[in-house]
Amino acid sequence: MEATACADEYEHIVPSVMYTISNIPGPGIDLKEFESEYSLGCSCTVRCTDCSCTRGSPNYIDDCILDEKLSDPIIECNSHCTCKERCGNRLVQNGPVDSLVVSKIDGKGHGLFTSKSIKKGQFICEYAGEVVGIEEARRRVEANKNTMNYVLVVSEHIGDRVIVTCIDPKHFGNIGRYSNHSCEPNTNLVPVRVEGPVPRLCLFASRDIKIGEEITFDYAGGVVNSVHNLSHTPCLCGSNNCFGYLPHNTI
């Protein structure tokens, strides 16, 4: 059975963490910029395959991301678009799969697993939390040196620009915060923009995932062709090609 999308009705097993289904602004973030939304949408009437949102070619086919889109900025259709809800370019906004389970792992704390099979390219969930500025992210990473560090830093290279997004789900986050690092992950981390310019960091299956498998991604930012800068924290992923230490994002 394949996992299906659902409204995000998950809860935390850790009572000290507040559940948020989407990103919230934190220190170092311009609130006006964070809350800004796209004011225009496409003028499609049925399906969106070649419009201002997809920019020439579809992002998804049968609710699965296309491989060639993994390294491109993805924009989904929004409330200003004239297309229908099933236009084919509305996926992340429909919520995570309904099969995610948080379980304890000896020596690693908790991990995220699936109770249903997930096909390659399928959207699994966001890694949502508190969006913070670079200086605040730097401070939190330093403060968490001897504890679990949840801060995820993703750098997007768009033309001659580098857009850096820092998300910390330690105290405010969604189900994605339980996904662990692997040097051979089964998901890709992809920035997807829905409402406006601040991206959602989304996990898509990089291969077919079997029932009971752990959902993992690359903490090195997860994006295609990311470079490993290793920290001093031992990696416990157990993969055959493990680098030995967790990746470290220079910020």
C-alpha atoms as a PDB file:
ATOM      1  CA  MET A   1       0.000   0.000   0.000  1.00  0.00           C
ATOM      2  CA  GLU A   2       1.296   3.433  -0.896  1.00  0.00           C
ATOM      3  CA  ALA A   3       1.193   6.284   1.592  1.00  0.00           C
ATOM      4  CA  THR A   4      -1.300   9.022   0.802  1.00  0.00           C
ATOM      5  CA  ALA A   5      -1.257  12.735   1.570  1.00  0.00           C
ATOM      6  CA  CYS A   6      -3.229  13.993   4.537  1.00  0.00           C
ATOM      7  CA  ALA A   7      -3.910  17.061   6.616  1.00  0.00           C
ATOM      8  CA  ASP A   8      -1.126  17.369   9.174  1.00  0.00           C
ATOM      9  CA  GLU A   9      -2.688  15.886  12.305  1.00  0.00           C
ATOM     10  CA  TYR A  10       0.504  14.550  13.849  1.00  0.00           C
ATOM     11  CA  GLU A  11       1.499  15.342  17.427  1.00  0.00           C
ATOM     12  CA  HIS A  12       4.799  15.357  19.290  1.00  0.00           C
ATOM     13  CA  ILE A  13       5.867  12.539  21.568  1.00  0.00           C
ATOM     14  CA  VAL A  14       8.043  15.098  23.363  1.00  0.00           C
ATOM     15  CA  PRO A  15       5.685  17.277  25.470  1.00  0.00           C
ATOM     16  CA  SER A  16       8.127  20.193  25.668  1.00  0.00           C
ATOM     17  CA  VAL A  17       7.974  20.751  21.887  1.00  0.00           C
ATOM     18  CA  MET A  18       5.129  22.767  20.373  1.00  0.00           C
ATOM     19  CA  TYR A  19       3.734  21.339  17.146  1.00  0.00           C
ATOM     20  CA  THR A  20       3.613  23.673  14.159  1.00  0.00           C
ATOM     21  CA  ILE A  21       2.473  22.527  10.726  1.00  0.00           C
ATOM     22  CA  SER A  22       4.465  25.254   8.989  1.00  0.00           C
ATOM     23  CA  ASN A  23       7.442  27.524   9.593  1.00  0.00           C
ATOM     24  CA  ILE A  24       7.230  30.355  12.105  1.00  0.00           C
ATOM     25  CA  PRO A  25       9.493  33.436  12.286  1.00  0.00           C
ATOM     26  CA  GLY A  26      12.244  33.571  14.903  1.00  0.00           C
ATOM     27  CA  PRO A  27      15.075  35.924  15.918  1.00  0.00           C
ATOM     28  CA  GLY A  28      16.915  37.624  13.062  1.00  0.00           C
ATOM     29  CA  ILE A  29      14.021  37.386  10.607  1.00  0.00           C
ATOM     30  CA  ASP A  30      12.336  40.376   8.989  1.00  0.00           C
ATOM     31  CA  LEU A  31       8.671  39.771   9.852  1.00  0.00           C
ATOM     32  CA  LYS A  32       7.400  41.789   6.879  1.00  0.00           C
ATOM     33  CA  GLU A  33       9.535  39.770   4.482  1.00  0.00           C
ATOM     34  CA  PHE A  34       8.554  36.489   6.166  1.00  0.00           C
ATOM     35  CA  GLU A  35       4.837  37.244   5.852  1.00  0.00           C
ATOM     36  CA  SER A  36       5.032  38.580   2.286  1.00  0.00           C
ATOM     37  CA  GLU A  37       3.054  36.573  -0.257  1.00  0.00           C
ATOM     38  CA  TYR A  38       2.998  36.287  -4.015  1.00  0.00           C
ATOM     39  CA  SER A  39       0.468  38.764  -5.390  1.00  0.00           C
ATOM     40  CA  LEU A  40       0.066  37.053  -8.754  1.00  0.00           C
ATOM     41  CA  GLY A  41      -0.642  33.544  -9.975  1.00  0.00           C
ATOM     42  CA  CYS A  42      -0.933  31.652 -13.227  1.00  0.00           C
ATOM     43  CA  SER A  43      -3.940  31.964 -15.510  1.00  0.00           C
ATOM     44  CA  CYS A  44      -4.326  28.253 -16.263  1.00  0.00           C
ATOM     45  CA  THR A  45      -7.820  26.764 -16.243  1.00  0.00           C
ATOM     46  CA  VAL A  46      -7.190  23.050 -15.665  1.00  0.00           C
ATOM     47  CA  ARG A  47      -3.665  21.626 -15.475  1.00  0.00           C
ATOM     48  CA  CYS A  48      -0.377  23.488 -15.013  1.00  0.00           C
ATOM     49  CA  THR A  49       2.503  22.170 -17.091  1.00  0.00           C
ATOM     50  CA  ASP A  50       3.834  25.287 -18.816  1.00  0.00           C
ATOM     51  CA  CYS A  51       2.944  28.452 -16.943  1.00  0.00           C
ATOM     52  CA  SER A  52       4.389  31.204 -14.767  1.00  0.00           C
ATOM     53  CA  CYS A  53       4.448  28.852 -11.737  1.00  0.00           C
ATOM     54  CA  THR A  54       6.053  25.811 -13.371  1.00  0.00           C
ATOM     55  CA  ARG A  55       8.209  28.022 -15.610  1.00  0.00           C
ATOM     56  CA  GLY A  56       8.195  25.893 -18.712  1.00  0.00           C
ATOM     57  CA  SER A  57       7.880  22.310 -17.496  1.00  0.00           C
ATOM     58  CA  PRO A  58       5.940  20.453 -14.794  1.00  0.00           C
ATOM     59  CA  ASN A  59       7.419  20.089 -11.313  1.00  0.00           C
ATOM     60  CA  TYR A  60       5.442  16.928 -10.562  1.00  0.00           C
ATOM     61  CA  ILE A  61       4.002  14.025 -12.511  1.00  0.00           C
ATOM     62  CA  ASP A  62       1.414  11.827 -10.752  1.00  0.00           C
ATOM     63  CA  ASP A  63       2.206  13.614  -7.456  1.00  0.00           C
ATOM     64  CA  CYS A  64       5.912  12.774  -7.673  1.00  0.00           C
ATOM     65  CA  ILE A  65       8.747  15.261  -8.160  1.00  0.00           C
ATOM     66  CA  LEU A  66      10.741  14.933 -11.379  1.00  0.00           C
ATOM     67  CA  ASP A  67      14.463  14.185 -11.004  1.00  0.00           C
ATOM     68  CA  GLU A  68      15.434  17.129 -13.178  1.00  0.00           C
ATOM     69  CA  LYS A  69      13.596  19.468 -10.784  1.00  0.00           C
ATOM     70  CA  LEU A  70      15.541  18.449  -7.670  1.00  0.00           C
ATOM     71  CA  SER A  71      18.115  21.201  -8.111  1.00  0.00           C
ATOM     72  CA  ASP A  72      15.722  23.879  -9.408  1.00  0.00           C
ATOM     73  CA  PRO A  73      13.711  26.366  -7.356  1.00  0.00           C
ATOM     74  CA  ILE A  74      10.158  25.017  -7.219  1.00  0.00           C
ATOM     75  CA  ILE A  75       7.088  27.236  -6.985  1.00  0.00           C
ATOM     76  CA  GLU A  76       3.652  25.742  -6.422  1.00  0.00           C
ATOM     77  CA  CYS A  77       0.402  27.340  -7.515  1.00  0.00           C
ATOM     78  CA  ASN A  78      -1.227  29.612  -4.954  1.00  0.00           C
ATOM     79  CA  SER A  79      -4.526  31.256  -4.037  1.00  0.00           C
ATOM     80  CA  HIS A  80      -4.086  33.860  -6.790  1.00  0.00           C
ATOM     81  CA  CYS A  81      -3.910  31.206  -9.527  1.00  0.00           C
ATOM     82  CA  THR A  82      -7.013  30.526 -11.614  1.00  0.00           C
ATOM     83  CA  CYS A  83      -6.288  26.791 -11.902  1.00  0.00           C
ATOM     84  CA  LYS A  84      -8.088  24.099  -9.937  1.00  0.00           C
ATOM     85  CA  GLU A  85      -6.942  22.372  -6.731  1.00  0.00           C
ATOM     86  CA  ARG A  86      -5.946  19.294  -8.741  1.00  0.00           C
ATOM     87  CA  CYS A  87      -3.933  21.257 -11.303  1.00  0.00           C
ATOM     88  CA  GLY A  88      -0.917  18.996 -10.698  1.00  0.00           C
ATOM     89  CA  ASN A  89       1.250  21.745  -9.240  1.00  0.00           C
ATOM     90  CA  ARG A  90      -0.157  21.652  -5.704  1.00  0.00           C
ATOM     91  CA  LEU A  91       1.495  18.921  -3.686  1.00  0.00           C
ATOM     92  CA  VAL A  92       3.404  20.111  -0.618  1.00  0.00           C
ATOM     93  CA  GLN A  93       0.496  22.331   0.424  1.00  0.00           C
ATOM     94  CA  ASN A  94      -1.743  19.245   0.675  1.00  0.00           C
ATOM     95  CA  GLY A  95       0.157  17.978   3.709  1.00  0.00           C
ATOM     96  CA  PRO A  96       2.459  15.068   4.605  1.00  0.00           C
ATOM     97  CA  VAL A  97       1.866  11.385   3.987  1.00  0.00           C
ATOM     98  CA  ASP A  98      -0.366   9.676   6.537  1.00  0.00           C
ATOM     99  CA  SER A  99       2.039   6.856   7.391  1.00  0.00           C
ATOM    100  CA  LEU A 100       4.753   8.458   9.538  1.00  0.00           C
ATOM    101  CA  VAL A 101       5.594   6.892  12.891  1.00  0.00           C
ATOM    102  CA  VAL A 102       8.096   8.063  15.498  1.00  0.00           C
ATOM    103  CA  SER A 103       9.971   5.259  17.263  1.00  0.00           C
ATOM    104  CA  LYS A 104      12.904   4.990  19.625  1.00  0.00           C
ATOM    105  CA  ILE A 105      16.247   3.795  18.249  1.00  0.00           C
ATOM    106  CA  ASP A 106      18.902   2.415  20.570  1.00  0.00           C
ATOM    107  CA  GLY A 107      21.739   4.911  20.911  1.00  0.00           C
ATOM    108  CA  LYS A 108      20.129   7.475  18.576  1.00  0.00           C
ATOM    109  CA  GLY A 109      17.077   8.737  20.432  1.00  0.00           C
ATOM    110  CA  HIS A 110      14.086   8.778  18.097  1.00  0.00           C
ATOM    111  CA  GLY A 111      13.663   8.186  14.384  1.00  0.00           C
ATOM    112  CA  LEU A 112      10.965   8.636  11.760  1.00  0.00           C
ATOM    113  CA  PHE A 113       9.553   5.527  10.066  1.00  0.00           C
ATOM    114  CA  THR A 114       6.790   4.723   7.586  1.00  0.00           C
ATOM    115  CA  SER A 115       3.977   2.219   8.099  1.00  0.00           C
ATOM    116  CA  LYS A 116       3.204   2.172   4.352  1.00  0.00           C
ATOM    117  CA  SER A 117       5.333   1.934   1.245  1.00  0.00           C
ATOM    118  CA  ILE A 118       6.370   5.233  -0.349  1.00  0.00           C
ATOM    119  CA  LYS A 119       7.238   5.505  -4.016  1.00  0.00           C
ATOM    120  CA  LYS A 120      10.217   7.329  -5.486  1.00  0.00           C
ATOM    121  CA  GLY A 121       9.596  11.038  -5.867  1.00  0.00           C
ATOM    122  CA  GLN A 122       6.697  11.162  -3.441  1.00  0.00           C
ATOM    123  CA  PHE A 123       6.459  14.068  -0.991  1.00  0.00           C
ATOM    124  CA  ILE A 124       6.841  12.829   2.584  1.00  0.00           C
ATOM    125  CA  CYS A 125       6.827  15.845   4.898  1.00  0.00           C
ATOM    126  CA  GLU A 126       8.405  19.196   5.614  1.00  0.00           C
ATOM    127  CA  TYR A 127      11.250  19.902   7.986  1.00  0.00           C
ATOM    128  CA  ALA A 128       9.365  22.793   9.578  1.00  0.00           C
ATOM    129  CA  GLY A 129      10.247  24.895  12.579  1.00  0.00           C
ATOM    130  CA  GLU A 130      11.504  28.279  13.627  1.00  0.00           C
ATOM    131  CA  VAL A 131      13.114  30.207  10.778  1.00  0.00           C
ATOM    132  CA  VAL A 132      16.038  32.196  12.202  1.00  0.00           C
ATOM    133  CA  GLY A 133      18.680  34.564  10.870  1.00  0.00           C
ATOM    134  CA  ILE A 134      22.228  33.435  10.132  1.00  0.00           C
ATOM    135  CA  GLU A 135      23.717  35.043  13.260  1.00  0.00           C
ATOM    136  CA  GLU A 136      21.073  33.433  15.467  1.00  0.00           C
ATOM    137  CA  ALA A 137      21.635  30.080  13.763  1.00  0.00           C
ATOM    138  CA  ARG A 138      25.356  30.450  14.410  1.00  0.00           C
ATOM    139  CA  ARG A 139      24.695  31.201  18.085  1.00  0.00           C
ATOM    140  CA  ARG A 140      22.376  28.217  18.492  1.00  0.00           C
ATOM    141  CA  VAL A 141      24.756  25.795  16.798  1.00  0.00           C
ATOM    142  CA  GLU A 142      27.517  26.959  19.151  1.00  0.00           C
ATOM    143  CA  ALA A 143      25.230  26.624  22.162  1.00  0.00           C
ATOM    144  CA  ASN A 144      24.235  23.091  21.128  1.00  0.00           C
ATOM    145  CA  LYS A 145      27.784  21.803  20.704  1.00  0.00           C
ATOM    146  CA  ASN A 146      27.402  19.213  23.458  1.00  0.00           C
ATOM    147  CA  THR A 147      23.725  18.424  22.858  1.00  0.00           C
ATOM    148  CA  MET A 148      21.417  17.497  19.999  1.00  0.00           C
ATOM    149  CA  ASN A 149      21.580  20.138  17.260  1.00  0.00           C
ATOM    150  CA  TYR A 150      18.436  20.508  15.148  1.00  0.00           C
ATOM    151  CA  VAL A 151      19.428  23.636  13.208  1.00  0.00           C
ATOM    152  CA  LEU A 152      19.281  22.966   9.479  1.00  0.00           C
ATOM    153  CA  VAL A 153      21.038  25.366   7.107  1.00  0.00           C
ATOM    154  CA  VAL A 154      20.265  25.200   3.385  1.00  0.00           C
ATOM    155  CA  SER A 155      21.996  27.334   0.763  1.00  0.00           C
ATOM    156  CA  GLU A 156      20.302  27.736  -2.616  1.00  0.00           C
ATOM    157  CA  HIS A 157      22.342  28.904  -5.597  1.00  0.00           C
ATOM    158  CA  ILE A 158      19.915  30.763  -7.848  1.00  0.00           C
ATOM    159  CA  GLY A 159      21.753  32.458 -10.693  1.00  0.00           C
ATOM    160  CA  ASP A 160      24.442  34.579  -9.065  1.00  0.00           C
ATOM    161  CA  ARG A 161      22.573  34.736  -5.759  1.00  0.00           C
ATOM    162  CA  VAL A 162      22.924  32.518  -2.693  1.00  0.00           C
ATOM    163  CA  ILE A 163      19.806  32.291  -0.526  1.00  0.00           C
ATOM    164  CA  VAL A 164      20.381  30.834   2.934  1.00  0.00           C
ATOM    165  CA  THR A 165      17.502  29.435   4.992  1.00  0.00           C
ATOM    166  CA  CYS A 166      18.051  28.380   8.625  1.00  0.00           C
ATOM    167  CA  ILE A 167      15.385  26.335  10.402  1.00  0.00           C
ATOM    168  CA  ASP A 168      15.446  25.183  14.035  1.00  0.00           C
ATOM    169  CA  PRO A 169      12.668  22.757  15.129  1.00  0.00           C
ATOM    170  CA  LYS A 170      14.097  22.152  18.616  1.00  0.00           C
ATOM    171  CA  HIS A 171      11.223  23.882  20.437  1.00  0.00           C
ATOM    172  CA  PHE A 172       8.732  24.511  17.591  1.00  0.00           C
ATOM    173  CA  GLY A 173       8.528  21.953  14.812  1.00  0.00           C
ATOM    174  CA  ASN A 174       6.573  19.335  12.926  1.00  0.00           C
ATOM    175  CA  ILE A 175       6.908  15.578  12.409  1.00  0.00           C
ATOM    176  CA  GLY A 176       9.984  16.120  10.206  1.00  0.00           C
ATOM    177  CA  ARG A 177      12.154  17.003  13.230  1.00  0.00           C
ATOM    178  CA  TYR A 178      12.441  13.282  14.052  1.00  0.00           C
ATOM    179  CA  SER A 179      14.095  12.379  10.743  1.00  0.00           C
ATOM    180  CA  ASN A 180      17.737  11.434  11.233  1.00  0.00           C
ATOM    181  CA  HIS A 181      20.833  11.925   9.109  1.00  0.00           C
ATOM    182  CA  SER A 182      22.189   9.194   6.883  1.00  0.00           C
ATOM    183  CA  CYS A 183      25.232   9.176   4.623  1.00  0.00           C
ATOM    184  CA  GLU A 184      23.042   7.095   2.268  1.00  0.00           C
ATOM    185  CA  PRO A 185      19.647   8.761   2.739  1.00  0.00           C
ATOM    186  CA  ASN A 186      16.399   7.678   1.145  1.00  0.00           C
ATOM    187  CA  THR A 187      15.072  11.219   0.683  1.00  0.00           C
ATOM    188  CA  ASN A 188      16.093  14.461  -1.006  1.00  0.00           C
ATOM    189  CA  LEU A 189      15.624  17.800   0.725  1.00  0.00           C
ATOM    190  CA  VAL A 190      14.066  20.287  -1.690  1.00  0.00           C
ATOM    191  CA  PRO A 191      13.172  23.961  -1.091  1.00  0.00           C
ATOM    192  CA  VAL A 192       9.597  24.550  -2.275  1.00  0.00           C
ATOM    193  CA  ARG A 193       7.849  27.916  -2.306  1.00  0.00           C
ATOM    194  CA  VAL A 194       4.087  27.980  -1.872  1.00  0.00           C
ATOM    195  CA  GLU A 195       2.756  31.209  -0.393  1.00  0.00           C
ATOM    196  CA  GLY A 196       5.770  33.457  -0.928  1.00  0.00           C
ATOM    197  CA  PRO A 197       9.550  33.775  -1.160  1.00  0.00           C
ATOM    198  CA  VAL A 198      10.413  31.979   2.107  1.00  0.00           C
ATOM    199  CA  PRO A 199      10.873  28.314   1.139  1.00  0.00           C
ATOM    200  CA  ARG A 200       9.488  25.248   2.820  1.00  0.00           C
ATOM    201  CA  LEU A 201      12.197  22.582   3.189  1.00  0.00           C
ATOM    202  CA  CYS A 202      10.579  19.387   1.935  1.00  0.00           C
ATOM    203  CA  LEU A 203      11.547  15.718   2.006  1.00  0.00           C
ATOM    204  CA  PHE A 204      10.882  13.730  -1.190  1.00  0.00           C
ATOM    205  CA  ALA A 205      11.653  10.019  -1.521  1.00  0.00           C
ATOM    206  CA  SER A 206      14.861   9.490  -3.524  1.00  0.00           C
ATOM    207  CA  ARG A 207      13.948   5.834  -4.082  1.00  0.00           C
ATOM    208  CA  ASP A 208      11.105   3.471  -3.244  1.00  0.00           C
ATOM    209  CA  ILE A 209      10.842   3.163   0.547  1.00  0.00           C
ATOM    210  CA  LYS A 210       9.547  -0.047   2.103  1.00  0.00           C
ATOM    211  CA  ILE A 211       7.160  -0.495   5.006  1.00  0.00           C
ATOM    212  CA  GLY A 212       9.041  -0.129   8.300  1.00  0.00           C
ATOM    213  CA  GLU A 213      12.013   1.751   6.838  1.00  0.00           C
ATOM    214  CA  GLU A 214      13.452   4.767   8.601  1.00  0.00           C
ATOM    215  CA  ILE A 215      13.066   8.110   6.794  1.00  0.00           C
ATOM    216  CA  THR A 216      16.489   9.769   6.537  1.00  0.00           C
ATOM    217  CA  PHE A 217      18.109  12.712   4.779  1.00  0.00           C
ATOM    218  CA  ASP A 218      21.508  14.357   4.452  1.00  0.00           C
ATOM    219  CA  TYR A 219      22.130  16.927   7.187  1.00  0.00           C
ATOM    220  CA  ALA A 220      24.684  18.616   4.926  1.00  0.00           C
ATOM    221  CA  GLY A 221      21.808  20.681   3.611  1.00  0.00           C
ATOM    222  CA  GLY A 222      20.394  17.724   1.771  1.00  0.00           C
ATOM    223  CA  VAL A 223      20.266  19.432  -1.600  1.00  0.00           C
ATOM    224  CA  VAL A 224      21.614  17.713  -4.688  1.00  0.00           C
ATOM    225  CA  ASN A 225      25.422  17.814  -5.012  1.00  0.00           C
ATOM    226  CA  SER A 226      25.903  19.165  -1.466  1.00  0.00           C
ATOM    227  CA  VAL A 227      29.477  19.040  -0.168  1.00  0.00           C
ATOM    228  CA  HIS A 228      30.342  17.317   3.095  1.00  0.00           C
ATOM    229  CA  ASN A 229      32.100  19.411   5.736  1.00  0.00           C
ATOM    230  CA  LEU A 230      32.478  17.013   8.640  1.00  0.00           C
ATOM    231  CA  SER A 231      31.970  17.892  12.300  1.00  0.00           C
ATOM    232  CA  HIS A 232      33.521  16.177  15.316  1.00  0.00           C
ATOM    233  CA  THR A 233      30.244  14.402  16.150  1.00  0.00           C
ATOM    234  CA  PRO A 234      30.308  10.668  15.334  1.00  0.00           C
ATOM    235  CA  CYS A 235      27.750   9.555  12.747  1.00  0.00           C
ATOM    236  CA  LEU A 236      25.587   6.598  13.794  1.00  0.00           C
ATOM    237  CA  CYS A 237      23.742   6.077  10.516  1.00  0.00           C
ATOM    238  CA  GLY A 238      25.275   2.635   9.976  1.00  0.00           C
ATOM    239  CA  SER A 239      25.340   2.888   6.180  1.00  0.00           C
ATOM    240  CA  ASN A 240      28.005   1.078   4.173  1.00  0.00           C
ATOM    241  CA  ASN A 241      29.483   4.368   2.964  1.00  0.00           C
ATOM    242  CA  CYS A 242      29.262   6.250   6.263  1.00  0.00           C
ATOM    243  CA  PHE A 243      31.651   9.228   6.483  1.00  0.00           C
ATOM    244  CA  GLY A 244      32.185   8.514  10.189  1.00  0.00           C
ATOM    245  CA  TYR A 245      31.085  11.953  11.384  1.00  0.00           C
ATOM    246  CA  LEU A 246      27.990  14.081  10.981  1.00  0.00           C
ATOM    247  CA  PRO A 247      28.188  16.852   8.368  1.00  0.00           C
ATOM    248  CA  HIS A 248      28.749  20.402   9.512  1.00  0.00           C
ATOM    249  CA  ASN A 249      27.303  23.448   7.807  1.00  0.00           C
ATOM    250  CA  THR A 250      29.609  26.441   7.762  1.00  0.00           C
ATOM    251  CA  ILE A 251      27.526  29.502   8.593  1.00  0.00           C
END
